[in-house]
N, C-alpha and C. Protein backbone atom coordinates (compact mmCIF):
# COMPACT_ATOMS: atom_id res chain seq x y z
N MET A 1 -0.89 16.15 23.86
CA MET A 1 0.37 16.11 23.14
C MET A 1 0.73 14.68 22.80
N LYS A 2 1.12 14.45 21.57
CA LYS A 2 1.47 13.12 21.11
C LYS A 2 2.94 12.86 21.43
N THR A 3 3.21 11.73 22.05
CA THR A 3 4.59 11.38 22.35
C THR A 3 5.12 10.48 21.24
N SER A 4 6.43 10.37 21.15
CA SER A 4 7.01 9.51 20.12
C SER A 4 6.65 8.05 20.38
N SER A 5 6.45 7.71 21.64
CA SER A 5 6.03 6.36 21.99
C SER A 5 4.64 6.05 21.43
N ASN A 6 3.71 7.02 21.56
CA ASN A 6 2.37 6.86 20.99
C ASN A 6 2.44 6.74 19.47
N LEU A 7 3.26 7.57 18.86
CA LEU A 7 3.40 7.54 17.41
C LEU A 7 3.99 6.21 16.96
N ASN A 8 5.02 5.74 17.64
CA ASN A 8 5.63 4.45 17.28
C ASN A 8 4.63 3.31 17.41
N SER A 9 3.85 3.34 18.47
CA SER A 9 2.82 2.32 18.68
C SER A 9 1.76 2.40 17.58
N ALA A 10 1.35 3.61 17.23
CA ALA A 10 0.35 3.80 16.18
C ALA A 10 0.87 3.28 14.85
N VAL A 11 2.11 3.61 14.52
CA VAL A 11 2.70 3.18 13.25
C VAL A 11 2.81 1.65 13.22
N SER A 12 3.18 1.03 14.32
CA SER A 12 3.26 -0.44 14.39
C SER A 12 1.91 -1.07 14.13
N THR A 13 0.86 -0.51 14.73
CA THR A 13 -0.49 -1.02 14.53
C THR A 13 -0.91 -0.86 13.07
N LEU A 14 -0.68 0.31 12.50
CA LEU A 14 -1.06 0.55 11.11
C LEU A 14 -0.29 -0.36 10.16
N LYS A 15 0.99 -0.52 10.40
CA LYS A 15 1.81 -1.36 9.53
C LYS A 15 1.36 -2.82 9.59
N ALA A 16 1.03 -3.30 10.78
CA ALA A 16 0.56 -4.69 10.92
C ALA A 16 -0.71 -4.91 10.11
N HIS A 17 -1.64 -3.97 10.20
CA HIS A 17 -2.89 -4.11 9.46
C HIS A 17 -2.70 -3.84 7.97
N PHE A 18 -1.76 -2.99 7.62
CA PHE A 18 -1.45 -2.73 6.21
C PHE A 18 -0.89 -3.99 5.56
N ASN A 19 0.02 -4.63 6.24
CA ASN A 19 0.64 -5.84 5.69
C ASN A 19 -0.34 -7.00 5.67
N ASP A 20 -1.31 -6.99 6.58
CA ASP A 20 -2.28 -8.07 6.66
C ASP A 20 -3.25 -8.03 5.48
N ARG A 21 -3.98 -6.92 5.36
CA ARG A 21 -4.99 -6.85 4.29
C ARG A 21 -5.44 -5.41 4.09
N ALA A 22 -4.62 -4.65 3.41
CA ALA A 22 -4.98 -3.28 3.08
C ALA A 22 -4.71 -3.08 1.60
N TYR A 23 -5.34 -2.08 1.05
CA TYR A 23 -5.04 -1.79 -0.35
C TYR A 23 -5.14 -0.31 -0.62
N LEU A 24 -4.47 0.06 -1.68
CA LEU A 24 -4.32 1.45 -2.08
C LEU A 24 -5.11 1.70 -3.35
N ARG A 25 -5.83 2.81 -3.38
CA ARG A 25 -6.56 3.20 -4.58
C ARG A 25 -6.01 4.56 -5.03
N VAL A 26 -5.66 4.64 -6.30
CA VAL A 26 -5.18 5.90 -6.87
C VAL A 26 -6.06 6.25 -8.07
N PRO A 27 -6.14 7.53 -8.41
CA PRO A 27 -7.00 7.94 -9.53
C PRO A 27 -6.57 7.32 -10.85
N ASN A 28 -7.57 7.09 -11.69
CA ASN A 28 -7.32 6.62 -13.04
C ASN A 28 -7.54 7.82 -13.96
N PRO A 29 -6.47 8.35 -14.56
CA PRO A 29 -6.60 9.57 -15.37
C PRO A 29 -7.55 9.39 -16.57
N ASP A 30 -7.72 8.17 -17.05
CA ASP A 30 -8.61 7.93 -18.18
C ASP A 30 -10.08 8.10 -17.81
N ARG A 31 -10.39 8.07 -16.51
CA ARG A 31 -11.78 8.16 -16.08
C ARG A 31 -12.11 9.49 -15.39
N MET A 32 -11.19 10.40 -15.33
CA MET A 32 -11.39 11.65 -14.59
C MET A 32 -12.54 12.50 -15.12
N ASP A 33 -12.88 12.37 -16.38
CA ASP A 33 -13.94 13.18 -16.97
C ASP A 33 -15.34 12.67 -16.66
N GLU A 34 -15.46 11.52 -16.01
CA GLU A 34 -16.77 10.93 -15.76
C GLU A 34 -17.57 11.65 -14.68
N GLY A 35 -16.92 12.47 -13.88
CA GLY A 35 -17.62 13.21 -12.83
C GLY A 35 -17.62 12.45 -11.51
N HIS A 36 -17.91 13.18 -10.45
CA HIS A 36 -17.82 12.64 -9.09
C HIS A 36 -18.79 11.49 -8.82
N GLU A 37 -20.00 11.58 -9.31
CA GLU A 37 -20.98 10.52 -9.05
C GLU A 37 -20.62 9.22 -9.75
N ALA A 38 -20.07 9.31 -10.94
CA ALA A 38 -19.74 8.12 -11.72
C ALA A 38 -18.39 7.53 -11.32
N TYR A 39 -17.45 8.38 -10.92
CA TYR A 39 -16.10 7.90 -10.63
C TYR A 39 -15.53 8.63 -9.43
N LYS A 40 -15.27 7.90 -8.38
CA LYS A 40 -14.64 8.48 -7.19
C LYS A 40 -13.15 8.57 -7.49
N LYS A 41 -12.65 9.78 -7.59
CA LYS A 41 -11.34 9.96 -8.19
C LYS A 41 -10.20 10.34 -7.26
N GLY A 42 -10.32 10.11 -6.00
CA GLY A 42 -9.24 10.52 -5.11
C GLY A 42 -8.31 9.40 -4.70
N PHE A 43 -7.29 9.76 -3.96
CA PHE A 43 -6.37 8.79 -3.39
C PHE A 43 -7.02 8.22 -2.13
N GLU A 44 -6.88 6.92 -1.94
CA GLU A 44 -7.49 6.28 -0.79
C GLU A 44 -6.67 5.06 -0.37
N LEU A 45 -6.49 4.93 0.92
CA LEU A 45 -5.85 3.75 1.51
C LEU A 45 -6.91 3.08 2.37
N ARG A 46 -7.16 1.81 2.13
CA ARG A 46 -8.20 1.09 2.88
C ARG A 46 -7.58 -0.02 3.73
N PHE A 47 -7.85 0.05 5.02
CA PHE A 47 -7.47 -1.01 5.95
C PHE A 47 -8.69 -1.92 6.10
N VAL A 48 -8.53 -3.21 5.88
CA VAL A 48 -9.65 -4.16 5.93
C VAL A 48 -9.42 -5.13 7.08
N MET A 49 -10.47 -5.30 7.91
CA MET A 49 -10.35 -6.15 9.11
C MET A 49 -11.58 -7.04 9.27
N ASP A 50 -11.38 -8.17 9.93
CA ASP A 50 -12.48 -9.09 10.23
C ASP A 50 -13.22 -8.70 11.51
N LYS A 51 -12.49 -8.15 12.47
CA LYS A 51 -13.07 -7.93 13.80
C LYS A 51 -13.23 -6.45 14.11
N ARG A 52 -14.30 -6.14 14.82
CA ARG A 52 -14.58 -4.76 15.22
C ARG A 52 -13.47 -4.22 16.13
N LYS A 53 -12.90 -5.08 16.98
CA LYS A 53 -11.84 -4.59 17.88
C LYS A 53 -10.61 -4.16 17.09
N ASP A 54 -10.35 -4.83 15.95
CA ASP A 54 -9.24 -4.40 15.10
C ASP A 54 -9.55 -3.06 14.45
N LEU A 55 -10.80 -2.87 14.06
CA LEU A 55 -11.23 -1.59 13.50
C LEU A 55 -11.01 -0.47 14.52
N THR A 56 -11.41 -0.71 15.76
CA THR A 56 -11.22 0.27 16.83
C THR A 56 -9.74 0.59 17.00
N SER A 57 -8.92 -0.44 16.95
CA SER A 57 -7.47 -0.27 17.11
C SER A 57 -6.87 0.57 15.97
N VAL A 58 -7.30 0.32 14.74
CA VAL A 58 -6.80 1.08 13.60
C VAL A 58 -7.27 2.53 13.67
N ARG A 59 -8.52 2.74 14.03
CA ARG A 59 -9.05 4.10 14.15
C ARG A 59 -8.27 4.89 15.20
N LYS A 60 -7.97 4.26 16.33
CA LYS A 60 -7.19 4.91 17.39
C LYS A 60 -5.77 5.22 16.89
N ALA A 61 -5.17 4.27 16.19
CA ALA A 61 -3.82 4.47 15.67
C ALA A 61 -3.77 5.63 14.67
N LEU A 62 -4.77 5.71 13.81
CA LEU A 62 -4.82 6.83 12.85
C LEU A 62 -4.94 8.17 13.59
N ALA A 63 -5.81 8.21 14.58
CA ALA A 63 -5.98 9.44 15.36
C ALA A 63 -4.70 9.80 16.11
N ASP A 64 -4.06 8.80 16.72
CA ASP A 64 -2.82 9.04 17.46
C ASP A 64 -1.69 9.53 16.55
N ALA A 65 -1.73 9.12 15.29
CA ALA A 65 -0.70 9.54 14.33
C ALA A 65 -1.05 10.88 13.69
N GLY A 66 -2.20 11.46 14.06
CA GLY A 66 -2.56 12.79 13.58
C GLY A 66 -3.34 12.82 12.27
N PHE A 67 -3.95 11.71 11.89
CA PHE A 67 -4.74 11.67 10.66
C PHE A 67 -6.20 12.01 10.94
N ARG A 68 -6.89 12.52 9.92
CA ARG A 68 -8.34 12.71 10.00
C ARG A 68 -8.96 11.32 9.84
N VAL A 69 -9.73 10.92 10.81
CA VAL A 69 -10.32 9.57 10.78
C VAL A 69 -11.68 9.65 10.10
N ALA A 70 -11.78 9.03 8.94
CA ALA A 70 -13.03 9.02 8.17
C ALA A 70 -13.97 7.95 8.73
N LYS A 71 -15.20 8.01 8.29
CA LYS A 71 -16.20 7.05 8.72
C LYS A 71 -15.87 5.67 8.14
N ALA A 72 -15.86 4.67 9.01
CA ALA A 72 -15.62 3.30 8.58
C ALA A 72 -16.91 2.73 7.99
N PHE A 73 -16.77 1.63 7.25
CA PHE A 73 -17.96 0.99 6.68
C PHE A 73 -17.73 -0.51 6.60
N GLU A 74 -18.82 -1.24 6.37
CA GLU A 74 -18.74 -2.69 6.20
C GLU A 74 -18.86 -3.01 4.72
N LYS A 75 -18.06 -3.98 4.30
CA LYS A 75 -18.10 -4.44 2.91
C LYS A 75 -17.80 -5.93 2.91
N ASN A 76 -18.70 -6.72 2.37
CA ASN A 76 -18.52 -8.17 2.31
C ASN A 76 -18.22 -8.78 3.68
N SER A 77 -18.97 -8.37 4.68
CA SER A 77 -18.82 -8.86 6.07
C SER A 77 -17.46 -8.53 6.67
N LYS A 78 -16.80 -7.52 6.15
CA LYS A 78 -15.52 -7.05 6.69
C LYS A 78 -15.69 -5.59 7.08
N PHE A 79 -14.83 -5.14 7.98
CA PHE A 79 -14.80 -3.73 8.38
C PHE A 79 -13.72 -3.04 7.57
N VAL A 80 -14.04 -1.88 7.03
CA VAL A 80 -13.09 -1.13 6.21
C VAL A 80 -12.92 0.26 6.79
N GLN A 81 -11.66 0.64 7.04
CA GLN A 81 -11.35 1.98 7.51
C GLN A 81 -10.57 2.69 6.41
N PRO A 82 -11.22 3.65 5.73
CA PRO A 82 -10.51 4.36 4.68
C PRO A 82 -9.71 5.54 5.22
N LEU A 83 -8.70 5.90 4.48
CA LEU A 83 -7.92 7.11 4.72
C LEU A 83 -7.93 7.84 3.38
N TYR A 84 -8.53 9.03 3.36
CA TYR A 84 -8.74 9.76 2.12
C TYR A 84 -7.75 10.90 1.92
N GLY A 85 -7.44 11.16 0.66
CA GLY A 85 -6.62 12.32 0.31
C GLY A 85 -5.17 11.95 0.05
N ARG A 86 -4.64 12.55 -1.00
CA ARG A 86 -3.27 12.25 -1.40
C ARG A 86 -2.27 12.54 -0.27
N GLU A 87 -2.41 13.70 0.38
CA GLU A 87 -1.45 14.08 1.42
C GLU A 87 -1.48 13.08 2.58
N GLN A 88 -2.69 12.71 3.01
CA GLN A 88 -2.79 11.76 4.13
C GLN A 88 -2.26 10.39 3.73
N VAL A 89 -2.60 9.93 2.54
CA VAL A 89 -2.14 8.62 2.08
C VAL A 89 -0.62 8.61 1.97
N GLU A 90 -0.05 9.66 1.37
CA GLU A 90 1.41 9.73 1.24
C GLU A 90 2.09 9.74 2.60
N ARG A 91 1.55 10.53 3.53
CA ARG A 91 2.16 10.62 4.87
C ARG A 91 2.06 9.29 5.61
N CYS A 92 0.93 8.63 5.50
CA CYS A 92 0.76 7.34 6.18
C CYS A 92 1.72 6.29 5.61
N LEU A 93 1.80 6.21 4.30
CA LEU A 93 2.71 5.24 3.67
C LEU A 93 4.16 5.56 4.02
N LYS A 94 4.49 6.83 4.10
CA LYS A 94 5.86 7.22 4.47
C LYS A 94 6.16 6.79 5.91
N LEU A 95 5.20 7.03 6.82
CA LEU A 95 5.41 6.61 8.21
C LEU A 95 5.63 5.10 8.32
N MET A 96 4.94 4.34 7.47
CA MET A 96 5.05 2.89 7.51
C MET A 96 6.21 2.36 6.66
N GLY A 97 6.91 3.26 5.96
CA GLY A 97 8.02 2.83 5.11
C GLY A 97 7.55 2.12 3.85
N GLU A 98 6.39 2.52 3.33
CA GLU A 98 5.79 1.85 2.18
C GLU A 98 5.63 2.77 0.98
N THR A 99 6.50 3.75 0.80
CA THR A 99 6.33 4.70 -0.30
C THR A 99 6.49 4.06 -1.67
N LYS A 100 7.19 2.94 -1.76
CA LYS A 100 7.36 2.26 -3.05
C LYS A 100 6.02 1.84 -3.62
N ARG A 101 5.10 1.44 -2.75
CA ARG A 101 3.79 0.98 -3.23
C ARG A 101 3.02 2.11 -3.89
N LEU A 102 3.10 3.30 -3.31
CA LEU A 102 2.41 4.45 -3.90
C LEU A 102 3.03 4.80 -5.25
N LYS A 103 4.35 4.84 -5.30
CA LYS A 103 5.03 5.17 -6.55
C LYS A 103 4.69 4.15 -7.63
N GLN A 104 4.64 2.87 -7.27
CA GLN A 104 4.32 1.83 -8.21
C GLN A 104 2.88 1.98 -8.72
N ALA A 105 1.95 2.21 -7.81
CA ALA A 105 0.53 2.38 -8.19
C ALA A 105 0.35 3.59 -9.10
N MET A 106 1.05 4.67 -8.79
CA MET A 106 0.93 5.89 -9.59
C MET A 106 1.54 5.66 -10.98
N ARG A 107 2.66 4.95 -11.05
CA ARG A 107 3.28 4.64 -12.34
C ARG A 107 2.33 3.80 -13.20
N GLU A 108 1.68 2.82 -12.55
CA GLU A 108 0.76 1.95 -13.29
C GLU A 108 -0.41 2.73 -13.87
N LYS A 109 -0.82 3.80 -13.19
CA LYS A 109 -1.94 4.62 -13.66
C LYS A 109 -1.49 5.78 -14.54
N GLY A 110 -0.19 5.92 -14.73
CA GLY A 110 0.33 6.98 -15.59
C GLY A 110 0.31 8.34 -14.92
N LEU A 111 0.41 8.39 -13.60
CA LEU A 111 0.41 9.66 -12.86
C LEU A 111 1.83 10.11 -12.56
């Protein structure tokens, strides 16, 4: 059972890493016809970290907050923890108090 203390701690961890170096990817409606192999078209929130221990911390925080934890990967000597799917991205941003960023990104893409 998840306690509110665990959730608060998880949200604090996620927010710290979000503010540090994370970015949001939203679909581009102009490219939707290119197909899955040519264009990855879903909503995605990426947490980017320098250290493996930070990656472990973010993965634990996502799990504690009830998110599906996707496979992390390395990119440009950094660790990246993605969060996939519109519902998960929206819920995570809402927990962190960052819904304006999603609305802004969606407006920019014409969604």
